[in-house]
Amino acid sequence: QVQLVESGGGLVQPGGSLRLSCAASGVPFYAMGWFRQAPGKEREFVVGISQSGSNTAYDADSVKGRFTISRDNANNTVYLQMNSLKPEDTAVYYCAALRSFNRWRVFTSRGDYPYWGQGTQVTVSS
């Protein structure tokens, strides 16, 4: 059974930092991604990482240079380090996973991912 459990969300002031974690189980050979959904908006891609961890892709317009994805395959955990947070980063953040036999491919489309976590709220406000 596939299970993805996010943690690390919360309330932070503009300019602050948070680190989200996603613990995965039951998904062998998986690529991972983080998405977010703000109130009244569609769920959007934020960042993805290949199964090997060697390749990443970011939504260039919004988060590149501020957010960093990484993974610890030994512990089946993916992290999202978020720095210089802005009010427009406020959203529910979801991690997602898919089984991939291509160790270097990064997936950026919502439809690529069959497995999702329950989401964690990130609020950036003074």
PDB file of N, CA and C in Angstrom:
ATOM      1  N   GLN A   1       0.844  -1.183   0.000  1.00  0.00           N
ATOM      2  CA  GLN A   1       0.000   0.000   0.000  1.00  0.00           C
ATOM      3  C   GLN A   1       0.888   1.246   0.000  1.00  0.00           C
ATOM      4  N   VAL A   2       0.588   2.157  -0.907  1.00  0.00           N
ATOM      5  CA  VAL A   2       1.366   3.384  -1.020  1.00  0.00           C
ATOM      6  C   VAL A   2       0.904   4.377   0.027  1.00  0.00           C
ATOM      7  N   GLN A   3       1.864   4.983   0.687  1.00  0.00           N
ATOM      8  CA  GLN A   3       1.553   6.008   1.665  1.00  0.00           C
ATOM      9  C   GLN A   3       2.575   7.132   1.575  1.00  0.00           C
ATOM     10  N   LEU A   4       2.081   8.359   1.496  1.00  0.00           N
ATOM     11  CA  LEU A   4       2.923   9.549   1.510  1.00  0.00           C
ATOM     12  C   LEU A   4       2.437  10.442   2.642  1.00  0.00           C
ATOM     13  N   VAL A   5       3.341  10.815   3.527  1.00  0.00           N
ATOM     14  CA  VAL A   5       2.966  11.618   4.690  1.00  0.00           C
ATOM     15  C   VAL A   5       3.835  12.857   4.736  1.00  0.00           C
ATOM     16  N   GLU A   6       3.180  14.027   4.560  1.00  0.00           N
ATOM     17  CA  GLU A   6       3.901  15.299   4.609  1.00  0.00           C
ATOM     18  C   GLU A   6       3.922  15.837   6.036  1.00  0.00           C
ATOM     19  N   SER A   7       4.941  16.635   6.308  1.00  0.00           N
ATOM     20  CA  SER A   7       5.028  17.338   7.579  1.00  0.00           C
ATOM     21  C   SER A   7       5.887  18.573   7.392  1.00  0.00           C
ATOM     22  N   GLY A   8       5.829  19.466   8.380  1.00  0.00           N
ATOM     23  CA  GLY A   8       6.699  20.631   8.368  1.00  0.00           C
ATOM     24  C   GLY A   8       6.038  21.942   8.005  1.00  0.00           C
ATOM     25  N   GLY A   9       4.768  21.912   7.661  1.00  0.00           N
ATOM     26  CA  GLY A   9       4.085  23.161   7.339  1.00  0.00           C
ATOM     27  C   GLY A   9       3.834  23.992   8.573  1.00  0.00           C
ATOM     28  N   GLY A  10       3.348  25.212   8.351  1.00  0.00           N
ATOM     29  CA  GLY A  10       3.044  26.086   9.477  1.00  0.00           C
ATOM     30  C   GLY A  10       2.936  27.520   9.045  1.00  0.00           C
ATOM     31  N   LEU A  11       2.954  28.398  10.033  1.00  0.00           N
ATOM     32  CA  LEU A  11       2.870  29.846   9.825  1.00  0.00           C
ATOM     33  C   LEU A  11       4.271  30.443   9.931  1.00  0.00           C
ATOM     34  N   VAL A  12       4.629  31.248   8.958  1.00  0.00           N
ATOM     35  CA  VAL A  12       5.945  31.872   8.950  1.00  0.00           C
ATOM     36  C   VAL A  12       5.814  33.295   8.429  1.00  0.00           C
ATOM     37  N   GLN A  13       6.677  34.176   8.883  1.00  0.00           N
ATOM     38  CA  GLN A  13       6.658  35.566   8.413  1.00  0.00           C
ATOM     39  C   GLN A  13       7.322  35.681   7.041  1.00  0.00           C
ATOM     40  N   PRO A  14       6.949  36.680   6.286  1.00  0.00           N
ATOM     41  CA  PRO A  14       7.626  36.901   4.995  1.00  0.00           C
ATOM     42  C   PRO A  14       9.134  36.999   5.180  1.00  0.00           C
ATOM     43  N   GLY A  15       9.854  36.340   4.272  1.00  0.00           N
ATOM     44  CA  GLY A  15      11.301  36.283   4.380  1.00  0.00           C
ATOM     45  C   GLY A  15      11.812  35.101   5.174  1.00  0.00           C
ATOM     46  N   GLY A  16      10.926  34.393   5.834  1.00  0.00           N
ATOM     47  CA  GLY A  16      11.317  33.266   6.651  1.00  0.00           C
ATOM     48  C   GLY A  16      11.494  31.988   5.848  1.00  0.00           C
ATOM     49  N   SER A  17      11.764  30.894   6.576  1.00  0.00           N
ATOM     50  CA  SER A  17      12.038  29.601   5.945  1.00  0.00           C
ATOM     51  C   SER A  17      11.228  28.502   6.606  1.00  0.00           C
ATOM     52  N   LEU A  18      10.965  27.480   5.813  1.00  0.00           N
ATOM     53  CA  LEU A  18      10.362  26.244   6.299  1.00  0.00           C
ATOM     54  C   LEU A  18      10.968  25.085   5.536  1.00  0.00           C
ATOM     55  N   ARG A  19      10.979  23.918   6.172  1.00  0.00           N
ATOM     56  CA  ARG A  19      11.384  22.699   5.468  1.00  0.00           C
ATOM     57  C   ARG A  19      10.262  21.679   5.575  1.00  0.00           C
ATOM     58  N   LEU A  20       9.753  21.300   4.430  1.00  0.00           N
ATOM     59  CA  LEU A  20       8.725  20.267   4.375  1.00  0.00           C
ATOM     60  C   LEU A  20       9.380  18.904   4.163  1.00  0.00           C
ATOM     61  N   SER A  21       8.767  17.889   4.744  1.00  0.00           N
ATOM     62  CA  SER A  21       9.234  16.518   4.558  1.00  0.00           C
ATOM     63  C   SER A  21       8.091  15.672   4.023  1.00  0.00           C
ATOM     64  N   CYS A  22       8.451  14.666   3.246  1.00  0.00           N
ATOM     65  CA  CYS A  22       7.467  13.710   2.735  1.00  0.00           C
ATOM     66  C   CYS A  22       8.063  12.315   2.897  1.00  0.00           C
ATOM     67  N   ALA A  23       7.488  11.557   3.793  1.00  0.00           N
ATOM     68  CA  ALA A  23       7.923  10.186   4.023  1.00  0.00           C
ATOM     69  C   ALA A  23       7.095   9.242   3.165  1.00  0.00           C
ATOM     70  N   ALA A  24       7.771   8.448   2.360  1.00  0.00           N
ATOM     71  CA  ALA A  24       7.093   7.561   1.411  1.00  0.00           C
ATOM     72  C   ALA A  24       7.275   6.105   1.797  1.00  0.00           C
ATOM     73  N   SER A  25       6.239   5.334   1.580  1.00  0.00           N
ATOM     74  CA  SER A  25       6.331   3.891   1.776  1.00  0.00           C
ATOM     75  C   SER A  25       5.496   3.196   0.717  1.00  0.00           C
ATOM     76  N   GLY A  26       5.917   2.006   0.318  1.00  0.00           N
ATOM     77  CA  GLY A  26       5.150   1.224  -0.626  1.00  0.00           C
ATOM     78  C   GLY A  26       5.283   1.634  -2.081  1.00  0.00           C
ATOM     79  N   VAL A  27       6.233   2.530  -2.400  1.00  0.00           N
ATOM     80  CA  VAL A  27       6.403   2.978  -3.791  1.00  0.00           C
ATOM     81  C   VAL A  27       7.841   2.714  -4.207  1.00  0.00           C
ATOM     82  N   PRO A  28       8.117   1.570  -4.784  1.00  0.00           N
ATOM     83  CA  PRO A  28       9.493   1.313  -5.216  1.00  0.00           C
ATOM     84  C   PRO A  28       9.839   2.083  -6.480  1.00  0.00           C
ATOM     85  N   PHE A  29      11.090   2.443  -6.625  1.00  0.00           N
ATOM     86  CA  PHE A  29      11.599   3.109  -7.829  1.00  0.00           C
ATOM     87  C   PHE A  29      10.778   4.357  -8.170  1.00  0.00           C
ATOM     88  N   TYR A  30      10.703   5.265  -7.258  1.00  0.00           N
ATOM     89  CA  TYR A  30       9.778   6.374  -7.433  1.00  0.00           C
ATOM     90  C   TYR A  30      10.474   7.708  -7.706  1.00  0.00           C
ATOM     91  N   ALA A  31       9.884   8.453  -8.638  1.00  0.00           N
ATOM     92  CA  ALA A  31      10.198   9.871  -8.784  1.00  0.00           C
ATOM     93  C   ALA A  31       9.201  10.641  -7.921  1.00  0.00           C
ATOM     94  N   MET A  32       9.581  11.833  -7.501  1.00  0.00           N
ATOM     95  CA  MET A  32       8.750  12.586  -6.559  1.00  0.00           C
ATOM     96  C   MET A  32       8.554  14.015  -7.046  1.00  0.00           C
ATOM     97  N   GLY A  33       7.504  14.617  -6.541  1.00  0.00           N
ATOM     98  CA  GLY A  33       7.265  16.021  -6.845  1.00  0.00           C
ATOM     99  C   GLY A  33       6.531  16.693  -5.713  1.00  0.00           C
ATOM    100  N   TRP A  34       6.630  18.015  -5.667  1.00  0.00           N
ATOM    101  CA  TRP A  34       5.850  18.853  -4.767  1.00  0.00           C
ATOM    102  C   TRP A  34       4.939  19.747  -5.615  1.00  0.00           C
ATOM    103  N   PHE A  35       3.698  19.810  -5.198  1.00  0.00           N
ATOM    104  CA  PHE A  35       2.711  20.686  -5.817  1.00  0.00           C
ATOM    105  C   PHE A  35       2.111  21.556  -4.720  1.00  0.00           C
ATOM    106  N   ARG A  36       1.425  22.606  -5.117  1.00  0.00           N
ATOM    107  CA  ARG A  36       0.738  23.432  -4.125  1.00  0.00           C
ATOM    108  C   ARG A  36      -0.579  23.940  -4.698  1.00  0.00           C
ATOM    109  N   GLN A  37      -1.491  24.209  -3.784  1.00  0.00           N
ATOM    110  CA  GLN A  37      -2.804  24.699  -4.183  1.00  0.00           C
ATOM    111  C   GLN A  37      -3.228  25.802  -3.236  1.00  0.00           C
ATOM    112  N   ALA A  38      -3.351  27.003  -3.792  1.00  0.00           N
ATOM    113  CA  ALA A  38      -3.829  28.148  -3.033  1.00  0.00           C
ATOM    114  C   ALA A  38      -5.349  28.207  -3.132  1.00  0.00           C
ATOM    115  N   PRO A  39      -6.012  28.879  -2.193  1.00  0.00           N
ATOM    116  CA  PRO A  39      -7.475  28.958  -2.228  1.00  0.00           C
ATOM    117  C   PRO A  39      -7.984  29.533  -3.549  1.00  0.00           C
ATOM    118  N   GLY A  40      -8.926  28.832  -4.156  1.00  0.00           N
ATOM    119  CA  GLY A  40      -9.527  29.302  -5.394  1.00  0.00           C
ATOM    120  C   GLY A  40      -8.681  29.100  -6.633  1.00  0.00           C
ATOM    121  N   LYS A  41      -7.554  28.393  -6.495  1.00  0.00           N
ATOM    122  CA  LYS A  41      -6.676  28.191  -7.646  1.00  0.00           C
ATOM    123  C   LYS A  41      -6.459  26.709  -7.907  1.00  0.00           C
ATOM    124  N   GLU A  42      -5.962  26.420  -9.105  1.00  0.00           N
ATOM    125  CA  GLU A  42      -5.642  25.047  -9.464  1.00  0.00           C
ATOM    126  C   GLU A  42      -4.377  24.589  -8.734  1.00  0.00           C
ATOM    127  N   ARG A  43      -4.271  23.280  -8.536  1.00  0.00           N
ATOM    128  CA  ARG A  43      -3.048  22.720  -7.985  1.00  0.00           C
ATOM    129  C   ARG A  43      -1.945  22.865  -9.028  1.00  0.00           C
ATOM    130  N   GLU A  44      -0.801  23.386  -8.616  1.00  0.00           N
ATOM    131  CA  GLU A  44       0.259  23.669  -9.562  1.00  0.00           C
ATOM    132  C   GLU A  44       1.560  22.995  -9.168  1.00  0.00           C
ATOM    133  N   PHE A  45       2.358  22.685 -10.180  1.00  0.00           N
ATOM    134  CA  PHE A  45       3.662  22.085  -9.972  1.00  0.00           C
ATOM    135  C   PHE A  45       4.608  23.097  -9.339  1.00  0.00           C
ATOM    136  N   VAL A  46       5.398  22.620  -8.375  1.00  0.00           N
ATOM    137  CA  VAL A  46       6.414  23.463  -7.743  1.00  0.00           C
ATOM    138  C   VAL A  46       7.807  22.972  -8.111  1.00  0.00           C
ATOM    139  N   VAL A  47       8.063  21.696  -7.837  1.00  0.00           N
ATOM    140  CA  VAL A  47       9.400  21.159  -8.073  1.00  0.00           C
ATOM    141  C   VAL A  47       9.314  19.641  -8.126  1.00  0.00           C
ATOM    142  N   GLY A  48      10.208  19.028  -8.914  1.00  0.00           N
ATOM    143  CA  GLY A  48      10.255  17.571  -9.000  1.00  0.00           C
ATOM    144  C   GLY A  48      11.690  17.083  -8.927  1.00  0.00           C
ATOM    145  N   ILE A  49      11.840  15.813  -8.567  1.00  0.00           N
ATOM    146  CA  ILE A  49      13.159  15.205  -8.459  1.00  0.00           C
ATOM    147  C   ILE A  49      13.093  13.790  -9.005  1.00  0.00           C
ATOM    148  N   SER A  50      14.159  13.398  -9.681  1.00  0.00           N
ATOM    149  CA  SER A  50      14.203  12.066 -10.270  1.00  0.00           C
ATOM    150  C   SER A  50      14.407  11.005  -9.201  1.00  0.00           C
ATOM    151  N   GLN A  51      14.220   9.772  -9.589  1.00  0.00           N
ATOM    152  CA  GLN A  51      14.391   8.676  -8.648  1.00  0.00           C
ATOM    153  C   GLN A  51      15.815   8.621  -8.119  1.00  0.00           C
ATOM    154  N   SER A  52      16.778   8.927  -8.952  1.00  0.00           N
ATOM    155  CA  SER A  52      18.179   8.915  -8.523  1.00  0.00           C
ATOM    156  C   SER A  52      18.526  10.095  -7.633  1.00  0.00           C
ATOM    157  N   GLY A  53      17.749  11.170  -7.753  1.00  0.00           N
ATOM    158  CA  GLY A  53      18.068  12.392  -7.022  1.00  0.00           C
ATOM    159  C   GLY A  53      19.013  13.309  -7.764  1.00  0.00           C
ATOM    160  N   SER A  54      19.501  12.880  -8.929  1.00  0.00           N
ATOM    161  CA  SER A  54      20.511  13.663  -9.641  1.00  0.00           C
ATOM    162  C   SER A  54      19.905  14.771 -10.491  1.00  0.00           C
ATOM    163  N   ASN A  55      18.638  14.665 -10.819  1.00  0.00           N
ATOM    164  CA  ASN A  55      17.977  15.672 -11.661  1.00  0.00           C
ATOM    165  C   ASN A  55      16.789  16.279 -10.949  1.00  0.00           C
ATOM    166  N   THR A  56      16.628  17.588 -11.129  1.00  0.00           N
ATOM    167  CA  THR A  56      15.496  18.305 -10.552  1.00  0.00           C
ATOM    168  C   THR A  56      14.936  19.275 -11.577  1.00  0.00           C
ATOM    169  N   ALA A  57      13.709  19.685 -11.349  1.00  0.00           N
ATOM    170  CA  ALA A  57      13.071  20.692 -12.202  1.00  0.00           C
ATOM    171  C   ALA A  57      12.231  21.578 -11.307  1.00  0.00           C
ATOM    172  N   TYR A  58      12.275  22.876 -11.558  1.00  0.00           N
ATOM    173  CA  TYR A  58      11.562  23.848 -10.755  1.00  0.00           C
ATOM    174  C   TYR A  58      10.627  24.656 -11.628  1.00  0.00           C
ATOM    175  N   ASP A  59       9.559  25.151 -11.004  1.00  0.00           N
ATOM    176  CA  ASP A  59       8.725  26.130 -11.668  1.00  0.00           C
ATOM    177  C   ASP A  59       9.498  27.438 -11.652  1.00  0.00           C
ATOM    178  N   ALA A  60      10.074  27.790 -12.792  1.00  0.00           N
ATOM    179  CA  ALA A  60      11.050  28.873 -12.842  1.00  0.00           C
ATOM    180  C   ALA A  60      10.474  30.217 -12.442  1.00  0.00           C
ATOM    181  N   ASP A  61       9.222  30.433 -12.748  1.00  0.00           N
ATOM    182  CA  ASP A  61       8.671  31.754 -12.514  1.00  0.00           C
ATOM    183  C   ASP A  61       8.480  32.076 -11.051  1.00  0.00           C
ATOM    184  N   SER A  62       8.246  31.051 -10.247  1.00  0.00           N
ATOM    185  CA  SER A  62       7.798  31.375  -8.899  1.00  0.00           C
ATOM    186  C   SER A  62       8.781  31.014  -7.793  1.00  0.00           C
ATOM    187  N   VAL A  63       9.506  29.911  -7.929  1.00  0.00           N
ATOM    188  CA  VAL A  63      10.242  29.428  -6.771  1.00  0.00           C
ATOM    189  C   VAL A  63      11.726  29.181  -7.015  1.00  0.00           C
ATOM    190  N   LYS A  64      12.166  29.163  -8.247  1.00  0.00           N
ATOM    191  CA  LYS A  64      13.566  28.835  -8.503  1.00  0.00           C
ATOM    192  C   LYS A  64      14.469  29.855  -7.816  1.00  0.00           C
ATOM    193  N   GLY A  65      15.486  29.327  -7.145  1.00  0.00           N
ATOM    194  CA  GLY A  65      16.387  30.201  -6.404  1.00  0.00           C
ATOM    195  C   GLY A  65      15.996  30.366  -4.951  1.00  0.00           C
ATOM    196  N   ARG A  66      14.752  30.000  -4.613  1.00  0.00           N
ATOM    197  CA  ARG A  66      14.300  30.105  -3.225  1.00  0.00           C
ATOM    198  C   ARG A  66      13.995  28.728  -2.625  1.00  0.00           C
ATOM    199  N   PHE A  67      13.506  27.828  -3.442  1.00  0.00           N
ATOM    200  CA  PHE A  67      13.135  26.493  -2.967  1.00  0.00           C
ATOM    201  C   PHE A  67      14.159  25.474  -3.459  1.00  0.00           C
ATOM    202  N   THR A  68      14.419  24.467  -2.627  1.00  0.00           N
ATOM    203  CA  THR A  68      15.350  23.400  -2.989  1.00  0.00           C
ATOM    204  C   THR A  68      14.754  22.056  -2.597  1.00  0.00           C
ATOM    205  N   ILE A  69      14.715  21.150  -3.551  1.00  0.00           N
ATOM    206  CA  ILE A  69      14.232  19.796  -3.281  1.00  0.00           C
ATOM    207  C   ILE A  69      15.431  18.872  -3.113  1.00  0.00           C
ATOM    208  N   SER A  70      15.304  17.912  -2.225  1.00  0.00           N
ATOM    209  CA  SER A  70      16.343  16.907  -2.040  1.00  0.00           C
ATOM    210  C   SER A  70      15.675  15.622  -1.566  1.00  0.00           C
ATOM    211  N   ARG A  71      16.427  14.539  -1.602  1.00  0.00           N
ATOM    212  CA  ARG A  71      15.851  13.276  -1.161  1.00  0.00           C
ATOM    213  C   ARG A  71      16.892  12.425  -0.461  1.00  0.00           C
ATOM    214  N   ASP A  72      16.411  11.636   0.453  1.00  0.00           N
ATOM    215  CA  ASP A  72      17.228  10.679   1.187  1.00  0.00           C
ATOM    216  C   ASP A  72      16.630   9.305   0.898  1.00  0.00           C
ATOM    217  N   ASN A  73      17.197   8.612  -0.082  1.00  0.00           N
ATOM    218  CA  ASN A  73      16.608   7.340  -0.499  1.00  0.00           C
ATOM    219  C   ASN A  73      16.746   6.261   0.577  1.00  0.00           C
ATOM    220  N   ALA A  74      17.753   6.384   1.401  1.00  0.00           N
ATOM    221  CA  ALA A  74      17.917   5.393   2.468  1.00  0.00           C
ATOM    222  C   ALA A  74      16.755   5.438   3.442  1.00  0.00           C
ATOM    223  N   ASN A  75      16.184   6.636   3.616  1.00  0.00           N
ATOM    224  CA  ASN A  75      15.075   6.808   4.542  1.00  0.00           C
ATOM    225  C   ASN A  75      13.758   7.081   3.835  1.00  0.00           C
ATOM    226  N   ASN A  76      13.751   6.934   2.498  1.00  0.00           N
ATOM    227  CA  ASN A  76      12.514   7.114   1.717  1.00  0.00           C
ATOM    228  C   ASN A  76      11.829   8.439   2.023  1.00  0.00           C
ATOM    229  N   THR A  77      12.605   9.489   2.070  1.00  0.00           N
ATOM    230  CA  THR A  77      12.064  10.804   2.428  1.00  0.00           C
ATOM    231  C   THR A  77      12.531  11.849   1.429  1.00  0.00           C
ATOM    232  N   VAL A  78      11.629  12.727   1.051  1.00  0.00           N
ATOM    233  CA  VAL A  78      11.940  13.854   0.185  1.00  0.00           C
ATOM    234  C   VAL A  78      11.690  15.138   0.967  1.00  0.00           C
ATOM    235  N   TYR A  79      12.545  16.112   0.758  1.00  0.00           N
ATOM    236  CA  TYR A  79      12.463  17.373   1.486  1.00  0.00           C
ATOM    237  C   TYR A  79      12.254  18.533   0.520  1.00  0.00           C
ATOM    238  N   LEU A  80      11.586  19.560   1.012  1.00  0.00           N
ATOM    239  CA  LEU A  80      11.462  20.811   0.278  1.00  0.00           C
ATOM    240  C   LEU A  80      11.884  21.939   1.215  1.00  0.00           C
ATOM    241  N   GLN A  81      13.058  22.471   0.962  1.00  0.00           N
ATOM    242  CA  GLN A  81      13.557  23.611   1.735  1.00  0.00           C
ATOM    243  C   GLN A  81      13.053  24.887   1.069  1.00  0.00           C
ATOM    244  N   MET A  82      12.329  25.692   1.818  1.00  0.00           N
ATOM    245  CA  MET A  82      11.738  26.915   1.279  1.00  0.00           C
ATOM    246  C   MET A  82      12.307  28.111   2.010  1.00  0.00           C
ATOM    247  N   ASN A  83      13.012  28.965   1.292  1.00  0.00           N
ATOM    248  CA  ASN A  83      13.619  30.161   1.856  1.00  0.00           C
ATOM    249  C   ASN A  83      12.997  31.411   1.235  1.00  0.00           C
ATOM    250  N   SER A  84      13.223  32.527   1.880  1.00  0.00           N
ATOM    251  CA  SER A  84      12.713  33.820   1.394  1.00  0.00           C
ATOM    252  C   SER A  84      11.236  33.723   1.040  1.00  0.00           C
ATOM    253  N   LEU A  85      10.483  33.173   1.939  1.00  0.00           N
ATOM    254  CA  LEU A  85       9.068  32.948   1.655  1.00  0.00           C
ATOM    255  C   LEU A  85       8.298  34.249   1.494  1.00  0.00           C
ATOM    256  N   LYS A  86       7.314  34.202   0.602  1.00  0.00           N
ATOM    257  CA  LYS A  86       6.488  35.360   0.278  1.00  0.00           C
ATOM    258  C   LYS A  86       5.027  35.028   0.581  1.00  0.00           C
ATOM    259  N   PRO A  87       4.202  36.032   0.799  1.00  0.00           N
ATOM    260  CA  PRO A  87       2.777  35.757   1.033  1.00  0.00           C
ATOM    261  C   PRO A  87       2.141  34.939  -0.087  1.00  0.00           C
ATOM    262  N   GLU A  88       2.596  35.130  -1.305  1.00  0.00           N
ATOM    263  CA  GLU A  88       2.024  34.375  -2.424  1.00  0.00           C
ATOM    264  C   GLU A  88       2.430  32.900  -2.431  1.00  0.00           C
ATOM    265  N   ASP A  89       3.310  32.508  -1.523  1.00  0.00           N
ATOM    266  CA  ASP A  89       3.647  31.086  -1.366  1.00  0.00           C
ATOM    267  C   ASP A  89       2.630  30.371  -0.478  1.00  0.00           C
ATOM    268  N   THR A  90       1.726  31.118   0.105  1.00  0.00           N
ATOM    269  CA  THR A  90       0.709  30.512   0.965  1.00  0.00           C
ATOM    270  C   THR A  90      -0.150  29.544   0.173  1.00  0.00           C
ATOM    271  N   ALA A  91      -0.221  28.308   0.647  1.00  0.00           N
ATOM    272  CA  ALA A  91      -0.969  27.259  -0.058  1.00  0.00           C
ATOM    273  C   ALA A  91      -0.905  25.973   0.764  1.00  0.00           C
ATOM    274  N   VAL A  92      -1.691  25.004   0.345  1.00  0.00           N
ATOM    275  CA  VAL A  92      -1.510  23.644   0.829  1.00  0.00           C
ATOM    276  C   VAL A  92      -0.501  22.978  -0.098  1.00  0.00           C
ATOM    277  N   TYR A  93       0.534  22.404   0.492  1.00  0.00           N
ATOM    278  CA  TYR A  93       1.588  21.765  -0.276  1.00  0.00           C
ATOM    279  C   TYR A  93       1.411  20.251  -0.224  1.00  0.00           C
ATOM    280  N   TYR A  94       1.477  19.647  -1.409  1.00  0.00           N
ATOM    281  CA  TYR A  94       1.279  18.203  -1.540  1.00  0.00           C
ATOM    282  C   TYR A  94       2.530  17.568  -2.127  1.00  0.00           C
ATOM    283  N   CYS A  95       2.929  16.432  -1.581  1.00  0.00           N
ATOM    284  CA  CYS A  95       3.952  15.654  -2.269  1.00  0.00           C
ATOM    285  C   CYS A  95       3.249  14.557  -3.073  1.00  0.00           C
ATOM    286  N   ALA A  96       3.919  14.147  -4.128  1.00  0.00           N
ATOM    287  CA  ALA A  96       3.364  13.162  -5.042  1.00  0.00           C
ATOM    288  C   ALA A  96       4.471  12.222  -5.499  1.00  0.00           C
ATOM    289  N   ALA A  97       4.082  11.013  -5.874  1.00  0.00           N
ATOM    290  CA  ALA A  97       5.076  10.005  -6.264  1.00  0.00           C
ATOM    291  C   ALA A  97       4.553   9.162  -7.409  1.00  0.00           C
ATOM    292  N   LEU A  98       5.497   8.619  -8.162  1.00  0.00           N
ATOM    293  CA  LEU A  98       5.135   7.670  -9.195  1.00  0.00           C
ATOM    294  C   LEU A  98       6.273   6.680  -9.369  1.00  0.00           C
ATOM    295  N   ARG A  99       5.916   5.517  -9.827  1.00  0.00           N
ATOM    296  CA  ARG A  99       6.924   4.494 -10.062  1.00  0.00           C
ATOM    297  C   ARG A  99       7.587   4.762 -11.408  1.00  0.00           C
ATOM    298  N   SER A 100       8.902   4.909 -11.406  1.00  0.00           N
ATOM    299  CA  SER A 100       9.626   5.228 -12.631  1.00  0.00           C
ATOM    300  C   SER A 100      10.838   4.329 -12.761  1.00  0.00           C
ATOM    301  N   PHE A 101      10.976   3.675 -13.908  1.00  0.00           N
ATOM    302  CA  PHE A 101      12.142   2.844 -14.161  1.00  0.00           C
ATOM    303  C   PHE A 101      13.268   3.633 -14.813  1.00  0.00           C
ATOM    304  N   ASN A 102      12.989   4.887 -15.146  1.00  0.00           N
ATOM    305  CA  ASN A 102      14.019   5.800 -15.635  1.00  0.00           C
ATOM    306  C   ASN A 102      14.542   6.579 -14.443  1.00  0.00           C
ATOM    307  N   ARG A 103      15.708   6.284 -13.973  1.00  0.00           N
ATOM    308  CA  ARG A 103      16.215   6.845 -12.727  1.00  0.00           C
ATOM    309  C   ARG A 103      16.523   8.330 -12.844  1.00  0.00           C
ATOM    310  N   TRP A 104      16.568   8.866 -14.059  1.00  0.00           N
ATOM    311  CA  TRP A 104      16.998  10.249 -14.226  1.00  0.00           C
ATOM    312  C   TRP A 104      15.886  11.197 -14.677  1.00  0.00           C
ATOM    313  N   ARG A 105      14.714  10.674 -14.940  1.00  0.00           N
ATOM    314  CA  ARG A 105      13.644  11.517 -15.453  1.00  0.00           C
ATOM    315  C   ARG A 105      12.919  12.253 -14.330  1.00  0.00           C
ATOM    316  N   VAL A 106      12.595  13.522 -14.588  1.00  0.00           N
ATOM    317  CA  VAL A 106      11.802  14.338 -13.671  1.00  0.00           C
ATOM    318  C   VAL A 106      10.427  14.544 -14.300  1.00  0.00           C
ATOM    319  N   PHE A 107       9.395  14.429 -13.511  1.00  0.00           N
ATOM    320  CA  PHE A 107       8.022  14.557 -13.994  1.00  0.00           C
ATOM    321  C   PHE A 107       7.424  15.844 -13.457  1.00  0.00           C
ATOM    322  N   THR A 108       6.796  16.625 -14.321  1.00  0.00           N
ATOM    323  CA  THR A 108       6.311  17.942 -13.925  1.00  0.00           C
ATOM    324  C   THR A 108       4.809  18.121 -14.054  1.00  0.00           C
ATOM    325  N   SER A 109       4.129  17.133 -14.583  1.00  0.00           N
ATOM    326  CA  SER A 109       2.686  17.274 -14.779  1.00  0.00           C
ATOM    327  C   SER A 109       1.902  16.581 -13.674  1.00  0.00           C
ATOM    328  N   ARG A 110       0.847  17.230 -13.245  1.00  0.00           N
ATOM    329  CA  ARG A 110       0.004  16.662 -12.208  1.00  0.00           C
ATOM    330  C   ARG A 110      -0.497  15.275 -12.591  1.00  0.00           C
ATOM    331  N   GLY A 111      -0.834  15.103 -13.850  1.00  0.00           N
ATOM    332  CA  GLY A 111      -1.375  13.832 -14.311  1.00  0.00           C
ATOM    333  C   GLY A 111      -0.383  12.691 -14.338  1.00  0.00           C
ATOM    334  N   ASP A 112       0.903  13.006 -14.206  1.00  0.00           N
ATOM    335  CA  ASP A 112       1.924  11.953 -14.176  1.00  0.00           C
ATOM    336  C   ASP A 112       1.898  11.169 -12.881  1.00  0.00           C
ATOM    337  N   TYR A 113       1.378  11.792 -11.820  1.00  0.00           N
ATOM    338  CA  TYR A 113       1.527  11.239 -10.473  1.00  0.00           C
ATOM    339  C   TYR A 113       0.253  10.542 -10.001  1.00  0.00           C
ATOM    340  N   PRO A 114       0.308   9.257  -9.743  1.00  0.00           N
ATOM    341  CA  PRO A 114      -0.867   8.557  -9.224  1.00  0.00           C
ATOM    342  C   PRO A 114      -1.002   8.581  -7.703  1.00  0.00           C
ATOM    343  N   TYR A 115       0.093   8.891  -7.019  1.00  0.00           N
ATOM    344  CA  TYR A 115       0.078   8.804  -5.564  1.00  0.00           C
ATOM    345  C   TYR A 115       0.297  10.189  -4.947  1.00  0.00           C
ATOM    346  N   TRP A 116      -0.538  10.512  -3.943  1.00  0.00           N
ATOM    347  CA  TRP A 116      -0.516  11.839  -3.331  1.00  0.00           C
ATOM    348  C   TRP A 116      -0.593  11.740  -1.824  1.00  0.00           C
ATOM    349  N   GLY A 117       0.063  12.702  -1.160  1.00  0.00           N
ATOM    350  CA  GLY A 117      -0.092  12.842   0.269  1.00  0.00           C
ATOM    351  C   GLY A 117      -1.335  13.651   0.603  1.00  0.00           C
ATOM    352  N   GLN A 118      -1.565  13.838   1.891  1.00  0.00           N
ATOM    353  CA  GLN A 118      -2.766  14.532   2.343  1.00  0.00           C
ATOM    354  C   GLN A 118      -2.616  16.054   2.329  1.00  0.00           C
ATOM    355  N   GLY A 119      -1.404  16.540   2.192  1.00  0.00           N
ATOM    356  CA  GLY A 119      -1.162  17.970   2.131  1.00  0.00           C
ATOM    357  C   GLY A 119      -0.789  18.555   3.479  1.00  0.00           C
ATOM    358  N   THR A 120      -0.008  19.627   3.442  1.00  0.00           N
ATOM    359  CA  THR A 120       0.356  20.355   4.645  1.00  0.00           C
ATOM    360  C   THR A 120       0.240  21.852   4.354  1.00  0.00           C
ATOM    361  N   GLN A 121      -0.363  22.582   5.278  1.00  0.00           N
ATOM    362  CA  GLN A 121      -0.630  23.998   5.069  1.00  0.00           C
ATOM    363  C   GLN A 121       0.615  24.831   5.350  1.00  0.00           C
ATOM    364  N   VAL A 122       0.923  25.724   4.426  1.00  0.00           N
ATOM    365  CA  VAL A 122       1.975  26.719   4.605  1.00  0.00           C
ATOM    366  C   VAL A 122       1.332  28.086   4.494  1.00  0.00           C
ATOM    367  N   THR A 123       1.487  28.893   5.523  1.00  0.00           N
ATOM    368  CA  THR A 123       0.927  30.237   5.544  1.00  0.00           C
ATOM    369  C   THR A 123       2.049  31.222   5.786  1.00  0.00           C
ATOM    370  N   VAL A 124       2.193  32.165   4.872  1.00  0.00           N
ATOM    371  CA  VAL A 124       3.225  33.197   4.983  1.00  0.00           C
ATOM    372  C   VAL A 124       2.516  34.523   5.230  1.00  0.00           C
ATOM    373  N   SER A 125       2.676  35.036   6.430  1.00  0.00           N
ATOM    374  CA  SER A 125       1.947  36.245   6.814  1.00  0.00           C
ATOM    375  C   SER A 125       2.652  36.908   7.979  1.00  0.00           C
ATOM    376  N   SER A 126       2.563  38.233   8.010  1.00  0.00           N
ATOM    377  CA  SER A 126       3.108  38.972   9.135  1.00  0.00           C
ATOM    378  C   SER A 126       2.031  39.215  10.186  1.00  0.00           C
TER     379      SER A 126
END
